[in-house]
Amino acid sequence: MHDRTPEPLFPDACRTGRKFTTPCCAASSHEFRVDGVLHLASRVAGHGWSVPWRGCIEDINDTGTVVEQDGSERRIHWQGARESR
């Protein structure tokens, strides 16, 4: 996992407060706004942060939980039809 870092590449002030967590492992994707552009970066417990990529929480097509800025949670499920986009 040479592309992981102990800290995210964006400062905490850039976090939108939204994240997506997966039920199968200790991983979460966090949303950041940098210069008006949304980015995602994933964190895996014990392995650190991934290199960020452009995207937002709504782009994630997986089964897991979206945590909103206010702390509310909602479950989403993988949708096979979205894979073809």
N, C-alpha and C. Protein backbone atom coordinates (compact mmCIF):
# COMPACT_ATOMS: atom_id res chain seq x y z
N MET A 1 0.82 -1.19 0.00
CA MET A 1 0.00 0.00 0.00
C MET A 1 0.87 1.25 0.00
N HIS A 2 1.69 1.35 -0.99
CA HIS A 2 2.62 2.46 -1.08
C HIS A 2 1.95 3.81 -1.33
N ASP A 3 0.68 3.81 -1.75
CA ASP A 3 0.01 5.07 -2.04
C ASP A 3 -0.76 5.62 -0.84
N ARG A 4 -0.60 5.04 0.33
CA ARG A 4 -1.33 5.50 1.52
C ARG A 4 -0.42 6.36 2.40
N THR A 5 -1.06 7.32 3.08
CA THR A 5 -0.33 8.21 3.98
C THR A 5 -1.00 8.17 5.36
N PRO A 6 -0.26 8.47 6.41
CA PRO A 6 -0.88 8.46 7.75
C PRO A 6 -1.94 9.54 7.93
N GLU A 7 -1.83 10.64 7.23
CA GLU A 7 -2.77 11.76 7.34
C GLU A 7 -3.37 12.04 5.96
N PRO A 8 -4.61 12.55 5.90
CA PRO A 8 -5.19 12.90 4.59
C PRO A 8 -4.37 14.01 3.93
N LEU A 9 -4.39 14.05 2.61
CA LEU A 9 -3.61 15.05 1.89
C LEU A 9 -4.26 16.43 1.91
N PHE A 10 -5.53 16.52 2.35
CA PHE A 10 -6.20 17.81 2.49
C PHE A 10 -6.38 18.11 3.97
N PRO A 11 -6.33 19.38 4.36
CA PRO A 11 -6.53 19.72 5.78
C PRO A 11 -7.98 19.48 6.22
N ASP A 12 -8.16 19.31 7.52
CA ASP A 12 -9.49 19.07 8.07
C ASP A 12 -10.49 20.16 7.70
N ALA A 13 -10.02 21.37 7.53
CA ALA A 13 -10.91 22.49 7.17
C ALA A 13 -11.59 22.27 5.82
N CYS A 14 -11.04 21.39 4.98
CA CYS A 14 -11.62 21.11 3.67
C CYS A 14 -12.69 20.01 3.71
N ARG A 15 -12.85 19.35 4.84
CA ARG A 15 -13.84 18.27 4.93
C ARG A 15 -15.24 18.85 4.86
N THR A 16 -16.11 18.15 4.14
CA THR A 16 -17.51 18.58 4.08
C THR A 16 -18.29 18.05 5.27
N GLY A 17 -17.76 17.07 5.96
CA GLY A 17 -18.45 16.46 7.08
C GLY A 17 -19.23 15.22 6.68
N ARG A 18 -19.22 14.87 5.41
CA ARG A 18 -19.92 13.68 4.94
C ARG A 18 -18.92 12.55 4.74
N LYS A 19 -19.38 11.31 5.04
CA LYS A 19 -18.52 10.15 4.79
C LYS A 19 -19.37 8.94 4.50
N PHE A 20 -18.74 7.94 3.93
CA PHE A 20 -19.38 6.67 3.61
C PHE A 20 -18.57 5.58 4.29
N THR A 21 -19.24 4.72 5.02
CA THR A 21 -18.54 3.62 5.68
C THR A 21 -19.04 2.29 5.12
N THR A 22 -18.14 1.34 5.02
CA THR A 22 -18.49 0.01 4.53
C THR A 22 -18.65 -0.94 5.70
N PRO A 23 -19.58 -1.88 5.59
CA PRO A 23 -19.81 -2.81 6.70
C PRO A 23 -18.78 -3.95 6.78
N CYS A 24 -18.08 -4.19 5.70
CA CYS A 24 -17.24 -5.40 5.65
C CYS A 24 -15.83 -5.20 6.19
N CYS A 25 -15.38 -3.98 6.31
CA CYS A 25 -14.03 -3.75 6.81
C CYS A 25 -13.97 -2.39 7.49
N ALA A 26 -12.89 -2.11 8.10
CA ALA A 26 -12.73 -0.83 8.80
C ALA A 26 -12.26 0.23 7.80
N ALA A 27 -13.15 0.59 6.88
CA ALA A 27 -12.81 1.57 5.84
C ALA A 27 -13.91 2.62 5.73
N SER A 28 -13.49 3.81 5.39
CA SER A 28 -14.46 4.88 5.16
C SER A 28 -13.91 5.82 4.10
N SER A 29 -14.83 6.41 3.33
CA SER A 29 -14.47 7.41 2.33
C SER A 29 -15.00 8.75 2.83
N HIS A 30 -14.15 9.75 2.80
CA HIS A 30 -14.49 11.08 3.30
C HIS A 30 -14.52 12.06 2.14
N GLU A 31 -15.44 13.01 2.20
CA GLU A 31 -15.61 14.01 1.16
C GLU A 31 -14.88 15.29 1.57
N PHE A 32 -14.15 15.87 0.63
CA PHE A 32 -13.40 17.12 0.84
C PHE A 32 -13.77 18.09 -0.27
N ARG A 33 -13.86 19.38 0.06
CA ARG A 33 -14.05 20.42 -0.96
C ARG A 33 -12.77 21.25 -1.00
N VAL A 34 -12.13 21.24 -2.17
CA VAL A 34 -10.87 21.96 -2.34
C VAL A 34 -11.01 22.85 -3.56
N ASP A 35 -10.88 24.14 -3.36
CA ASP A 35 -11.03 25.13 -4.44
C ASP A 35 -12.34 24.93 -5.19
N GLY A 36 -13.41 24.63 -4.45
CA GLY A 36 -14.73 24.47 -5.04
C GLY A 36 -15.00 23.12 -5.70
N VAL A 37 -14.04 22.22 -5.66
CA VAL A 37 -14.18 20.91 -6.30
C VAL A 37 -14.24 19.83 -5.22
N LEU A 38 -15.20 18.90 -5.36
CA LEU A 38 -15.32 17.80 -4.41
C LEU A 38 -14.35 16.68 -4.74
N HIS A 39 -13.76 16.15 -3.69
CA HIS A 39 -12.83 15.02 -3.78
C HIS A 39 -13.20 13.99 -2.73
N LEU A 40 -12.84 12.75 -2.98
CA LEU A 40 -12.99 11.68 -2.00
C LEU A 40 -11.61 11.14 -1.67
N ALA A 41 -11.46 10.69 -0.45
CA ALA A 41 -10.24 9.98 -0.03
C ALA A 41 -10.70 8.91 0.96
N SER A 42 -10.13 7.73 0.82
CA SER A 42 -10.52 6.63 1.70
C SER A 42 -9.48 6.40 2.77
N ARG A 43 -9.97 5.98 3.92
CA ARG A 43 -9.09 5.64 5.04
C ARG A 43 -9.40 4.22 5.46
N VAL A 44 -8.35 3.41 5.54
CA VAL A 44 -8.48 2.03 6.00
C VAL A 44 -7.72 1.94 7.32
N ALA A 45 -8.42 1.48 8.36
CA ALA A 45 -7.79 1.37 9.68
C ALA A 45 -6.50 0.58 9.60
N GLY A 46 -5.46 1.16 10.15
CA GLY A 46 -4.16 0.50 10.17
C GLY A 46 -3.34 0.66 8.90
N HIS A 47 -3.94 1.25 7.85
CA HIS A 47 -3.21 1.40 6.58
C HIS A 47 -3.12 2.84 6.11
N GLY A 48 -3.90 3.74 6.68
CA GLY A 48 -3.81 5.15 6.32
C GLY A 48 -4.77 5.58 5.24
N TRP A 49 -4.47 6.73 4.64
CA TRP A 49 -5.31 7.41 3.67
C TRP A 49 -4.86 7.15 2.25
N SER A 50 -5.83 7.02 1.34
CA SER A 50 -5.52 6.86 -0.08
C SER A 50 -5.22 8.22 -0.71
N VAL A 51 -4.74 8.17 -1.92
CA VAL A 51 -4.59 9.38 -2.73
C VAL A 51 -6.01 9.84 -3.09
N PRO A 52 -6.34 11.12 -2.93
CA PRO A 52 -7.69 11.60 -3.22
C PRO A 52 -7.99 11.56 -4.72
N TRP A 53 -9.28 11.49 -5.04
CA TRP A 53 -9.72 11.55 -6.42
C TRP A 53 -10.98 12.40 -6.48
N ARG A 54 -11.26 12.98 -7.66
CA ARG A 54 -12.46 13.80 -7.82
C ARG A 54 -13.69 12.93 -7.67
N GLY A 55 -14.65 13.43 -6.93
CA GLY A 55 -15.89 12.70 -6.74
C GLY A 55 -16.60 13.16 -5.49
N CYS A 56 -17.81 12.63 -5.32
CA CYS A 56 -18.60 12.96 -4.14
C CYS A 56 -19.25 11.69 -3.60
N ILE A 57 -19.83 11.79 -2.44
CA ILE A 57 -20.45 10.64 -1.79
C ILE A 57 -21.48 9.98 -2.71
N GLU A 58 -22.26 10.78 -3.45
CA GLU A 58 -23.27 10.22 -4.34
C GLU A 58 -22.68 9.36 -5.45
N ASP A 59 -21.40 9.51 -5.74
CA ASP A 59 -20.75 8.70 -6.78
C ASP A 59 -20.48 7.27 -6.32
N ILE A 60 -20.50 7.03 -5.03
CA ILE A 60 -20.15 5.71 -4.49
C ILE A 60 -21.30 4.74 -4.73
N ASN A 61 -21.00 3.63 -5.37
CA ASN A 61 -22.00 2.58 -5.62
C ASN A 61 -21.55 1.34 -4.87
N ASP A 62 -21.93 1.26 -3.62
CA ASP A 62 -21.54 0.15 -2.77
C ASP A 62 -22.59 0.05 -1.65
N THR A 63 -22.55 -1.03 -0.92
CA THR A 63 -23.43 -1.17 0.23
C THR A 63 -22.72 -0.61 1.44
N GLY A 64 -23.39 0.26 2.16
CA GLY A 64 -22.78 0.85 3.35
C GLY A 64 -23.66 1.92 3.93
N THR A 65 -23.06 2.79 4.71
CA THR A 65 -23.79 3.84 5.41
C THR A 65 -23.21 5.20 5.07
N VAL A 66 -24.09 6.11 4.67
CA VAL A 66 -23.69 7.50 4.44
C VAL A 66 -23.95 8.24 5.75
N VAL A 67 -22.93 8.95 6.22
CA VAL A 67 -23.06 9.79 7.41
C VAL A 67 -23.05 11.23 6.92
N GLU A 68 -24.16 11.94 7.20
CA GLU A 68 -24.31 13.32 6.75
C GLU A 68 -23.61 14.28 7.72
N GLN A 69 -23.54 15.55 7.34
CA GLN A 69 -22.88 16.57 8.15
C GLN A 69 -23.48 16.68 9.55
N ASP A 70 -24.78 16.46 9.67
CA ASP A 70 -25.43 16.60 10.97
C ASP A 70 -25.34 15.32 11.81
N GLY A 71 -24.65 14.30 11.29
CA GLY A 71 -24.49 13.05 12.02
C GLY A 71 -25.55 12.01 11.72
N SER A 72 -26.59 12.40 10.99
CA SER A 72 -27.62 11.42 10.62
C SER A 72 -27.03 10.40 9.65
N GLU A 73 -27.59 9.22 9.67
CA GLU A 73 -27.09 8.13 8.86
C GLU A 73 -28.20 7.55 7.99
N ARG A 74 -27.81 7.06 6.82
CA ARG A 74 -28.75 6.33 5.96
C ARG A 74 -28.00 5.23 5.24
N ARG A 75 -28.67 4.10 5.13
CA ARG A 75 -28.07 2.95 4.45
C ARG A 75 -28.29 3.08 2.95
N ILE A 76 -27.29 2.70 2.19
CA ILE A 76 -27.46 2.59 0.74
C ILE A 76 -26.99 1.20 0.33
N HIS A 77 -27.44 0.77 -0.83
CA HIS A 77 -27.13 -0.56 -1.32
C HIS A 77 -26.56 -0.47 -2.72
N TRP A 78 -25.62 -1.35 -3.01
CA TRP A 78 -25.03 -1.45 -4.34
C TRP A 78 -26.14 -1.65 -5.35
N GLN A 79 -26.02 -0.98 -6.52
CA GLN A 79 -27.02 -1.09 -7.57
C GLN A 79 -26.32 -1.51 -8.86
N GLY A 80 -26.59 -2.71 -9.29
CA GLY A 80 -25.97 -3.25 -10.50
C GLY A 80 -26.20 -2.38 -11.72
N ALA A 81 -27.36 -1.76 -11.82
CA ALA A 81 -27.68 -0.91 -12.97
C ALA A 81 -26.75 0.29 -13.06
N ARG A 82 -26.22 0.75 -11.94
CA ARG A 82 -25.33 1.92 -11.95
C ARG A 82 -23.95 1.57 -12.48
N GLU A 83 -23.58 0.30 -12.49
CA GLU A 83 -22.25 -0.12 -12.95
C GLU A 83 -22.03 0.18 -14.43
N SER A 84 -23.08 0.21 -15.21
CA SER A 84 -22.94 0.39 -16.65
C SER A 84 -22.76 1.84 -17.07
N ARG A 85 -22.90 2.76 -16.13
CA ARG A 85 -22.73 4.18 -16.46
C ARG A 85 -21.30 4.53 -16.70
